[in-house]
């Protein structure tokens, strides 16, 4: 059997897993690469004055990592431009924030071609190639143009938009045509997979067979939903280590007898942070008994700070937080603790465990692993309550959470009150079901299901047809 070659925009090789900084996706992919003697290929994150295509190859954490540098123009047009100013907002239903500039699409095409130039010579005849996310949708097409005939799969980590929304993207047909050069197209949820199939039939005039083979442009691609899981065993262990325990004790000391609600997100307009703050404010308005008895800790890690829309959301959140705290705070209580910095996963595990409620209310999200991390970190004898947006991919699986519409301020406010008042027996029953599902659908199961389907295993094909 050949190797597995993983391709992503950025490479996240696992260093010291005990550091708590290694993500579950990186851990799972690294394990797959070690099993298959594979290669992880992508952008180094560094820029160079002139693109040479020179590969840097090294072994990190038992994994062979191959990276290339990009020019500053590539970074601005491909990454900051088409990927994060055009595709990201559009795929998260924010067409009002999408920027359509010819230089962006040209940079996107150029970088995908440069990736293919560097990657194609590494691919051996029996290798499987697994391409990740919206940055690299044209990559299979570019590899085919260079004579690569291997099986190539694509997994989209973000949502796939509704048909008429995607149709607002200039050259949307060409982008989807490139996807048909992949053998397998994987999505986080049935909602996204079905939206893609609807585009194929409704916009392209193509067909989708009962076994989920999509036909268009004279080609066929297998379609499937592969909800990404959590590295449950590793995360449970990190939740018990010294760092997590110290953070838990620190949070417990800071509670002063109050209940804590926690939100942990990248600072992004898709996460619904402003709507979350307003819903929490609504709970304080409607239920005066909550005042001074509860607080919201919101950890929002800054990202993409060069993009104007991210600067705008940060300014709005600063203003909303200040207004709410100014209106409700007392001399020894602040209703919102708002923190703009990154935390290690083991530190977060301790924070999650101390929280009475995990508030995960994105306006649109591919999956959202924070919801799963919150559940995995809980004390089985006294677990907290997960409040989860119906527009997070995780809501398809995590039905024992309190599922809410994040655009409905009153509904989220009442869910907060319900969660705070939920009897222990009900909390334990909900958590037990959630945890059992997390273990059954962990990140290793996700990885193995996708690789099996890419390989063309009969059992994997039967599962996709039945989904």
Protein backbone atom coordinates (compact mmCIF):
# COMPACT_ATOMS: atom_id res chain seq x y z
CA UNK A 1 0.00 0.00 0.00
CA UNK A 2 1.27 3.48 -0.89
CA UNK A 3 1.82 6.45 1.33
CA UNK A 4 -0.68 9.06 2.47
CA UNK A 5 0.18 12.60 1.42
CA UNK A 6 -1.66 15.31 3.34
CA UNK A 7 -1.81 18.78 1.81
CA UNK A 8 -2.97 21.87 3.68
CA UNK A 9 -2.41 25.60 3.47
CA UNK A 10 -0.28 25.56 6.61
CA UNK A 11 1.55 22.59 8.07
CA UNK A 12 1.13 21.96 11.80
CA UNK A 13 3.58 19.19 12.63
CA UNK A 14 3.22 17.78 16.15
CA UNK A 15 6.12 18.66 18.37
CA UNK A 16 5.85 17.80 22.02
CA UNK A 17 2.26 16.63 22.46
CA UNK A 18 2.54 17.15 26.20
CA UNK A 19 2.89 20.87 25.66
CA UNK A 20 -0.87 21.15 25.30
CA UNK A 21 -0.49 23.34 22.23
CA UNK A 22 -1.01 20.61 19.63
CA UNK A 23 -4.47 20.53 18.07
CA UNK A 24 -6.52 17.37 17.69
CA UNK A 25 -6.52 17.61 13.90
CA UNK A 26 -2.72 17.81 13.80
CA UNK A 27 -2.45 14.84 16.14
CA UNK A 28 -4.80 12.68 14.04
CA UNK A 29 -3.19 13.56 10.74
CA UNK A 30 0.28 13.00 12.15
CA UNK A 31 -0.77 9.56 13.38
CA UNK A 32 -2.14 8.70 9.93
CA UNK A 33 1.05 9.89 8.29
CA UNK A 34 3.20 7.78 10.59
CA UNK A 35 1.05 4.72 9.89
CA UNK A 36 1.32 5.21 6.13
CA UNK A 37 4.91 6.57 6.04
CA UNK A 38 3.38 9.71 4.66
CA UNK A 39 4.26 13.31 3.89
CA UNK A 40 2.63 16.55 5.06
CA UNK A 41 2.96 19.28 2.43
CA UNK A 42 2.04 22.96 2.57
CA UNK A 43 3.12 26.56 2.97
CA UNK A 44 5.83 27.22 5.54
CA UNK A 45 4.14 30.44 6.64
CA UNK A 46 7.26 32.33 5.55
CA UNK A 47 7.61 34.73 2.65
CA UNK A 48 10.49 35.19 0.25
CA UNK A 49 11.38 37.99 -2.15
CA UNK A 50 11.15 35.72 -5.16
CA UNK A 51 9.37 32.38 -5.44
CA UNK A 52 11.76 29.53 -6.23
CA UNK A 53 9.61 26.52 -5.45
CA UNK A 54 12.42 25.13 -3.32
CA UNK A 55 11.22 22.48 -0.90
CA UNK A 56 12.26 22.29 2.73
CA UNK A 57 11.96 18.68 3.90
CA UNK A 58 12.42 17.62 7.53
CA UNK A 59 11.26 15.04 10.06
CA UNK A 60 9.21 16.46 12.92
CA UNK A 61 7.49 14.27 15.50
CA UNK A 62 8.04 11.20 13.33
CA UNK A 63 6.38 12.85 10.31
CA UNK A 64 8.03 13.94 7.05
CA UNK A 65 7.14 17.59 6.48
CA UNK A 66 7.66 19.33 3.13
CA UNK A 67 7.08 23.08 2.87
CA UNK A 68 7.57 25.92 0.42
CA UNK A 69 7.80 29.68 0.94
CA UNK A 70 5.52 32.14 -0.87
CA UNK A 71 6.07 35.67 -2.07
CA UNK A 72 4.50 38.55 -0.16
CA UNK A 73 2.20 39.16 -3.14
CA UNK A 74 1.05 35.54 -2.90
CA UNK A 75 0.27 35.95 0.78
CA UNK A 76 -1.76 39.11 0.18
CA UNK A 77 -3.70 37.91 -2.88
CA UNK A 78 -4.09 34.18 -2.20
CA UNK A 79 -4.30 34.02 1.61
CA UNK A 80 -5.48 37.42 2.87
CA UNK A 81 -7.29 38.03 -0.41
CA UNK A 82 -9.21 35.24 -2.12
CA UNK A 83 -9.15 32.74 0.76
CA UNK A 84 -10.06 35.09 3.61
CA UNK A 85 -11.72 38.10 1.99
CA UNK A 86 -13.67 36.25 -0.71
CA UNK A 87 -14.30 32.57 0.13
CA UNK A 88 -14.37 32.64 3.94
CA UNK A 89 -17.12 35.29 4.31
CA UNK A 90 -19.15 33.87 1.42
CA UNK A 91 -19.04 30.30 2.73
CA UNK A 92 -20.10 31.64 6.15
CA UNK A 93 -23.12 33.40 4.62
CA UNK A 94 -21.62 36.89 4.81
CA UNK A 95 -21.82 37.82 1.16
CA UNK A 96 -21.92 41.45 2.32
CA UNK A 97 -18.31 41.10 3.47
CA UNK A 98 -17.01 39.21 0.43
CA UNK A 99 -14.52 41.12 -1.70
CA UNK A 100 -14.24 40.24 -5.39
CA UNK A 101 -11.03 41.47 -6.96
CA UNK A 102 -9.35 40.05 -10.04
CA UNK A 103 -5.94 40.10 -8.36
CA UNK A 104 -7.30 37.90 -5.55
CA UNK A 105 -8.52 35.17 -7.91
CA UNK A 106 -5.32 35.40 -9.93
CA UNK A 107 -3.25 34.97 -6.78
CA UNK A 108 -5.38 32.01 -5.70
CA UNK A 109 -4.85 30.27 -9.05
CA UNK A 110 -1.14 31.10 -9.04
CA UNK A 111 -0.47 29.67 -5.58
CA UNK A 112 -2.42 26.48 -6.29
CA UNK A 113 -0.32 26.06 -9.43
CA UNK A 114 2.85 26.62 -7.42
CA UNK A 115 1.74 24.06 -4.85
CA UNK A 116 1.15 21.56 -7.66
CA UNK A 117 4.56 22.26 -9.21
CA UNK A 118 6.29 21.50 -5.93
CA UNK A 119 4.06 18.60 -4.90
CA UNK A 120 3.75 16.59 -8.11
CA UNK A 121 7.37 15.30 -8.13
CA UNK A 122 6.89 13.95 -4.56
CA UNK A 123 3.90 11.77 -5.48
CA UNK A 124 4.58 8.10 -6.14
CA UNK A 125 2.21 5.89 -8.18
CA UNK A 126 0.44 4.19 -5.24
CA UNK A 127 0.14 7.25 -2.97
CA UNK A 128 -3.18 8.61 -1.72
CA UNK A 129 -3.41 12.42 -1.67
CA UNK A 130 -5.67 14.13 0.91
CA UNK A 131 -6.17 17.89 0.34
CA UNK A 132 -7.64 20.08 3.08
CA UNK A 133 -9.88 23.10 2.98
CA UNK A 134 -10.99 26.07 0.94
CA UNK A 135 -7.52 27.41 0.22
CA UNK A 136 -6.79 24.53 -2.15
CA UNK A 137 -9.95 23.71 -4.09
CA UNK A 138 -8.20 23.93 -7.52
CA UNK A 139 -5.24 21.76 -6.47
CA UNK A 140 -6.43 18.44 -7.92
CA UNK A 141 -7.05 20.11 -11.27
CA UNK A 142 -3.52 21.49 -11.25
CA UNK A 143 -2.09 18.09 -10.29
CA UNK A 144 -4.05 16.36 -13.08
CA UNK A 145 -2.60 18.86 -15.56
CA UNK A 146 0.83 17.71 -14.42
CA UNK A 147 0.01 14.07 -15.06
CA UNK A 148 -0.91 12.94 -11.53
CA UNK A 149 -3.39 10.04 -11.79
CA UNK A 150 -3.50 9.02 -8.13
CA UNK A 151 -6.66 9.03 -6.07
CA UNK A 152 -7.06 12.51 -4.60
CA UNK A 153 -9.55 13.44 -1.89
CA UNK A 154 -10.70 16.83 -0.64
CA UNK A 155 -12.11 17.70 2.77
CA UNK A 156 -13.82 21.04 3.43
CA UNK A 157 -13.53 22.12 7.07
CA UNK A 158 -15.94 25.07 6.70
CA UNK A 159 -19.61 25.02 5.61
CA UNK A 160 -20.60 24.68 1.96
CA UNK A 161 -23.05 27.51 1.15
CA UNK A 162 -26.53 27.27 -0.32
CA UNK A 163 -26.76 27.10 -4.11
CA UNK A 164 -27.98 30.62 -4.82
CA UNK A 165 -25.46 32.09 -2.37
CA UNK A 166 -22.55 30.35 -4.10
CA UNK A 167 -23.87 31.61 -7.42
CA UNK A 168 -22.98 35.16 -6.33
CA UNK A 169 -19.29 34.22 -6.59
CA UNK A 170 -17.77 35.26 -9.92
CA UNK A 171 -16.56 32.16 -11.81
CA UNK A 172 -18.30 29.86 -9.34
CA UNK A 173 -18.78 27.21 -12.04
CA UNK A 174 -15.05 27.11 -12.74
CA UNK A 175 -14.30 26.66 -9.05
CA UNK A 176 -16.72 23.73 -8.76
CA UNK A 177 -15.46 22.25 -12.03
CA UNK A 178 -12.00 22.10 -10.43
CA UNK A 179 -13.48 20.15 -7.51
CA UNK A 180 -14.63 17.44 -9.91
CA UNK A 181 -10.98 16.51 -10.47
CA UNK A 182 -11.01 15.06 -6.95
CA UNK A 183 -12.16 11.47 -6.51
CA UNK A 184 -13.76 12.11 -3.11
CA UNK A 185 -15.36 15.28 -1.77
CA UNK A 186 -15.85 15.26 2.00
CA UNK A 187 -17.93 17.69 4.02
CA UNK A 188 -18.43 18.19 7.75
CA UNK A 189 -22.20 17.70 7.75
CA UNK A 190 -25.12 16.31 5.80
CA UNK A 191 -26.32 19.89 5.42
CA UNK A 192 -23.16 20.88 3.55
CA UNK A 193 -23.01 17.68 1.48
CA UNK A 194 -26.64 18.14 0.46
CA UNK A 195 -26.03 21.80 -0.40
CA UNK A 196 -23.21 20.74 -2.73
CA UNK A 197 -25.43 18.11 -4.34
CA UNK A 198 -28.16 20.73 -4.78
CA UNK A 199 -25.68 22.97 -6.57
CA UNK A 200 -24.69 20.11 -8.88
CA UNK A 201 -28.27 19.33 -9.86
CA UNK A 202 -29.81 22.80 -9.67
CA UNK A 203 -27.01 25.01 -11.00
CA UNK A 204 -24.97 22.69 -13.22
CA UNK A 205 -27.72 20.41 -14.50
CA UNK A 206 -25.68 17.45 -13.26
CA UNK A 207 -26.86 14.34 -11.48
CA UNK A 208 -26.31 12.64 -8.14
CA UNK A 209 -26.89 8.89 -7.87
CA UNK A 210 -28.36 7.14 -4.80
CA UNK A 211 -24.85 6.08 -3.79
CA UNK A 212 -23.86 9.78 -3.75
CA UNK A 213 -21.78 9.91 -6.91
CA UNK A 214 -22.03 13.39 -8.40
CA UNK A 215 -21.73 13.70 -12.18
CA UNK A 216 -20.90 16.97 -13.96
CA UNK A 217 -18.37 18.33 -16.46
CA UNK A 218 -17.92 14.78 -17.80
CA UNK A 219 -16.48 13.62 -14.49
CA UNK A 220 -17.67 11.81 -11.36
CA UNK A 221 -16.83 12.53 -7.74
CA UNK A 222 -17.94 10.61 -4.67
CA UNK A 223 -19.64 12.84 -2.09
CA UNK A 224 -19.82 12.14 1.63
CA UNK A 225 -20.31 13.67 5.08
CA UNK A 226 -17.41 13.05 7.48
CA UNK A 227 -18.01 14.99 10.72
CA UNK A 228 -14.64 15.64 12.33
CA UNK A 229 -14.27 14.41 15.88
CA UNK A 230 -12.23 15.22 18.95
CA UNK A 231 -9.12 13.38 20.10
CA UNK A 232 -11.13 12.37 23.15
CA UNK A 233 -8.60 10.16 24.88
CA UNK A 234 -5.81 12.73 24.60
CA UNK A 235 -8.04 15.60 25.64
CA UNK A 236 -9.41 13.69 28.64
CA UNK A 237 -5.84 13.01 29.72
CA UNK A 238 -4.86 16.67 29.31
CA UNK A 239 -7.90 17.67 31.37
CA UNK A 240 -6.44 15.68 34.27
CA UNK A 241 -2.84 16.89 34.06
CA UNK A 242 -1.15 19.38 36.39
CA UNK A 243 -1.61 22.37 34.10
CA UNK A 244 -5.34 21.78 33.71
CA UNK A 245 -5.79 21.12 37.41
CA UNK A 246 -3.93 24.30 38.31
CA UNK A 247 -6.09 26.32 35.91
CA UNK A 248 -9.24 24.71 37.29
CA UNK A 249 -8.26 25.60 40.85
CA UNK A 250 -7.40 29.12 39.78
CA UNK A 251 -10.81 29.53 38.14
CA UNK A 252 -12.57 28.04 41.16
CA UNK A 253 -10.87 30.57 43.42
CA UNK A 254 -11.98 33.43 41.15
CA UNK A 255 -15.63 32.36 41.07
CA UNK A 256 -16.39 33.76 44.55
CA UNK A 257 -19.43 31.50 44.69
CA UNK A 258 -20.71 32.64 41.31
CA UNK A 259 -21.57 30.49 38.28
CA UNK A 260 -19.33 30.90 35.23
CA UNK A 261 -20.43 30.79 31.61
CA UNK A 262 -17.56 30.28 29.18
CA UNK A 263 -17.10 31.04 25.50
CA UNK A 264 -13.89 30.22 23.63
CA UNK A 265 -13.56 31.35 20.02
CA UNK A 266 -11.25 32.74 17.43
CA UNK A 267 -12.05 36.44 17.03
CA UNK A 268 -14.20 36.16 13.91
CA UNK A 269 -17.52 37.59 12.74
CA UNK A 270 -18.81 34.06 12.04
CA UNK A 271 -18.66 33.17 15.76
CA UNK A 272 -21.61 35.33 16.77
CA UNK A 273 -19.81 37.00 19.67
CA UNK A 274 -21.71 40.28 19.51
CA UNK A 275 -25.03 38.41 19.37
CA UNK A 276 -23.86 36.26 22.29
CA UNK A 277 -23.04 39.28 24.44
CA UNK A 278 -26.42 40.82 23.70
CA UNK A 279 -28.23 37.58 24.56
CA UNK A 280 -26.36 37.40 27.86
CA UNK A 281 -27.33 41.01 28.51
CA UNK A 282 -30.94 40.06 27.79
CA UNK A 283 -30.73 37.34 30.45
CA UNK A 284 -29.51 39.92 32.97
CA UNK A 285 -32.35 42.28 32.01
CA UNK A 286 -35.07 39.62 32.18
CA UNK A 287 -33.77 37.87 35.30
CA UNK A 288 -32.49 40.35 37.84
CA UNK A 289 -31.74 37.48 40.24
CA UNK A 290 -28.80 36.52 37.98
CA UNK A 291 -26.98 39.79 38.58
CA UNK A 292 -23.87 39.36 40.74
CA UNK A 293 -24.52 35.58 40.72
CA UNK A 294 -23.07 34.76 37.29
CA UNK A 295 -20.46 36.04 34.86
CA UNK A 296 -19.46 35.35 31.27
CA UNK A 297 -15.82 34.61 30.53
CA UNK A 298 -15.23 35.13 26.81
CA UNK A 299 -11.83 34.12 25.45
CA UNK A 300 -11.46 35.52 21.93
CA UNK A 301 -8.13 34.82 20.25
CA UNK A 302 -7.18 37.51 17.69
CA UNK A 303 -6.69 36.35 14.10
CA UNK A 304 -6.28 37.76 10.57
CA UNK A 305 -5.64 41.18 12.02
CA UNK A 306 -4.63 42.55 8.61
CA UNK A 307 -8.18 42.03 7.30
CA UNK A 308 -10.43 45.05 7.82
CA UNK A 309 -13.54 43.06 8.79
CA UNK A 310 -11.62 41.56 11.73
CA UNK A 311 -10.53 44.98 12.92
CA UNK A 312 -14.15 46.09 12.78
CA UNK A 313 -15.51 43.16 14.81
CA UNK A 314 -12.84 43.67 17.47
CA UNK A 315 -13.78 47.33 17.83
CA UNK A 316 -17.50 46.49 18.07
CA UNK A 317 -16.91 43.81 20.70
CA UNK A 318 -14.79 46.19 22.77
CA UNK A 319 -17.63 48.72 22.65
CA UNK A 320 -20.41 46.23 23.49
CA UNK A 321 -18.43 44.73 26.37
CA UNK A 322 -17.71 48.16 27.79
CA UNK A 323 -21.35 49.21 27.54
CA UNK A 324 -22.70 46.07 29.24
CA UNK A 325 -20.12 46.15 31.99
CA UNK A 326 -20.73 49.86 32.53
CA UNK A 327 -24.46 49.30 32.84
CA UNK A 328 -24.46 46.30 35.18
CA UNK A 329 -21.13 46.06 37.05
CA UNK A 330 -20.86 46.63 40.79
CA UNK A 331 -17.81 47.30 42.90
CA UNK A 332 -17.03 43.58 43.21
CA UNK A 333 -18.67 42.07 40.12
CA UNK A 334 -18.11 42.47 36.38
CA UNK A 335 -20.67 40.65 34.20
CA UNK A 336 -18.30 40.01 31.25
CA UNK A 337 -14.63 39.08 31.49
CA UNK A 338 -13.37 39.57 27.94
CA UNK A 339 -9.89 38.24 27.14
CA UNK A 340 -8.01 38.61 23.84
CA UNK A 341 -5.22 36.05 24.01
CA UNK A 342 -4.53 32.41 23.16
CA UNK A 343 -4.50 29.62 25.74
CA UNK A 344 -3.03 26.13 25.64
CA UNK A 345 -5.47 23.25 25.24
CA UNK A 346 -4.67 21.87 28.69
CA UNK A 347 -5.24 25.31 30.24
CA UNK A 348 -8.59 25.54 28.45
CA UNK A 349 -9.53 22.11 29.75
CA UNK A 350 -9.28 23.47 33.29
CA UNK A 351 -11.34 26.54 32.37
CA UNK A 352 -14.04 24.39 30.72
CA UNK A 353 -14.29 22.15 33.76
CA UNK A 354 -14.93 25.11 36.04
CA UNK A 355 -17.75 26.49 33.86
CA UNK A 356 -21.41 25.83 34.63
CA UNK A 357 -22.30 26.53 30.99
CA UNK A 358 -20.38 26.24 27.72
CA UNK A 359 -21.85 28.87 25.38
CA UNK A 360 -21.06 27.93 21.75
CA UNK A 361 -23.23 30.05 19.47
CA UNK A 362 -21.60 30.65 16.08
CA UNK A 363 -23.75 32.13 13.33
CA UNK A 364 -22.29 29.57 10.93
CA UNK A 365 -19.59 26.98 11.57
CA UNK A 366 -18.30 23.88 9.82
CA UNK A 367 -18.11 21.83 13.02
CA UNK A 368 -16.84 23.66 16.13
CA UNK A 369 -14.60 21.47 18.25
CA UNK A 370 -14.89 23.82 21.26
CA UNK A 371 -18.33 22.30 21.87
CA UNK A 372 -16.79 18.83 21.98
CA UNK A 373 -13.86 19.94 24.12
CA UNK A 374 -16.22 21.50 26.66
CA UNK A 375 -18.11 18.22 27.03
CA UNK A 376 -14.92 16.12 27.25
CA UNK A 377 -13.52 18.32 30.03
CA UNK A 378 -16.51 18.01 32.37
CA UNK A 379 -16.64 16.29 35.75
CA UNK A 380 -18.84 13.18 35.20
CA UNK A 381 -20.27 13.58 38.70
CA UNK A 382 -21.26 17.23 38.22
CA UNK A 383 -21.09 18.20 34.53
CA UNK A 384 -21.93 21.57 33.07
CA UNK A 385 -24.46 22.29 30.32
CA UNK A 386 -23.61 22.88 26.65
CA UNK A 387 -25.63 25.54 24.82
CA UNK A 388 -25.03 25.05 21.09
CA UNK A 389 -26.01 26.98 17.97
CA UNK A 390 -28.17 25.09 15.49
CA UNK A 391 -25.88 26.54 12.79
CA UNK A 392 -22.75 24.83 14.12
CA UNK A 393 -22.01 21.57 12.36
CA UNK A 394 -21.68 19.91 15.77
CA UNK A 395 -25.43 20.35 16.32
CA UNK A 396 -26.15 17.48 13.88
CA UNK A 397 -24.47 15.12 16.36
CA UNK A 398 -24.80 16.77 19.78
CA UNK A 399 -28.56 16.71 20.18
CA UNK A 400 -28.41 16.47 23.99
CA UNK A 401 -27.06 20.01 24.15
CA UNK A 402 -29.49 22.90 24.47
CA UNK A 403 -29.81 23.78 20.77
CA UNK A 404 -30.54 27.46 20.08
CA UNK A 405 -30.91 29.93 17.24
CA UNK A 406 -28.05 32.41 17.84
CA UNK A 407 -29.97 35.16 16.04
CA UNK A 408 -32.79 34.87 18.62
CA UNK A 409 -31.59 36.88 21.60
CA UNK A 410 -34.46 35.88 23.87
CA UNK A 411 -34.10 32.17 23.05
CA UNK A 412 -30.41 32.17 23.93
CA UNK A 413 -31.12 34.16 27.11
CA UNK A 414 -33.72 31.61 28.24
CA UNK A 415 -31.35 28.73 27.44
CA UNK A 416 -28.79 30.35 29.74
CA UNK A 417 -31.36 30.46 32.55
CA UNK A 418 -32.42 26.87 31.82
CA UNK A 419 -28.82 25.69 31.92
CA UNK A 420 -28.07 27.47 35.18
CA UNK A 421 -31.14 25.92 36.81
CA UNK A 422 -30.92 22.43 35.30
CA UNK A 423 -31.09 19.63 37.90
CA UNK A 424 -27.96 17.54 38.35
CA UNK A 425 -29.68 14.32 37.22
CA UNK A 426 -30.64 15.88 33.90
CA UNK A 427 -27.18 17.35 33.43
CA UNK A 428 -25.58 13.95 34.01
CA UNK A 429 -28.01 12.21 31.64
CA UNK A 430 -27.36 14.72 28.85
CA UNK A 431 -23.59 14.64 29.38
CA UNK A 432 -23.48 10.82 29.39
CA UNK A 433 -25.10 10.63 25.95
CA UNK A 434 -22.93 13.41 24.57
CA UNK A 435 -19.75 11.80 25.85
CA UNK A 436 -20.64 8.36 24.47
CA UNK A 437 -21.11 9.88 21.02
CA UNK A 438 -17.84 11.81 21.26
CA UNK A 439 -15.97 8.57 21.88
CA UNK A 440 -17.76 6.73 19.08
CA UNK A 441 -17.08 9.48 16.52
CA UNK A 442 -13.63 10.66 17.61
CA UNK A 443 -11.00 12.18 15.34
CA UNK A 444 -9.39 8.81 14.64
CA UNK A 445 -12.74 7.44 13.42
CA UNK A 446 -13.08 10.50 11.16
CA UNK A 447 -9.60 10.04 9.75
CA UNK A 448 -10.03 6.31 9.16
CA UNK A 449 -13.45 6.76 7.51
CA UNK A 450 -12.14 9.35 5.06
CA UNK A 451 -8.99 7.40 4.15
CA UNK A 452 -11.02 4.21 3.66
CA UNK A 453 -13.47 6.02 1.37
CA UNK A 454 -10.61 7.61 -0.57
CA UNK A 455 -9.04 4.22 -0.99
CA UNK A 456 -12.38 2.95 -2.31
CA UNK A 457 -13.09 0.34 0.35
CA UNK A 458 -16.47 -1.31 -0.21
CA UNK A 459 -17.58 -0.82 3.40
CA UNK A 460 -16.83 2.89 3.20
CA UNK A 461 -18.77 3.19 -0.05
CA UNK A 462 -21.75 1.43 1.51
CA UNK A 463 -21.67 3.82 4.48
CA UNK A 464 -21.65 6.88 2.19
CA UNK A 465 -24.56 5.53 0.18
CA UNK A 466 -26.55 4.96 3.36
CA UNK A 467 -25.79 8.41 4.82
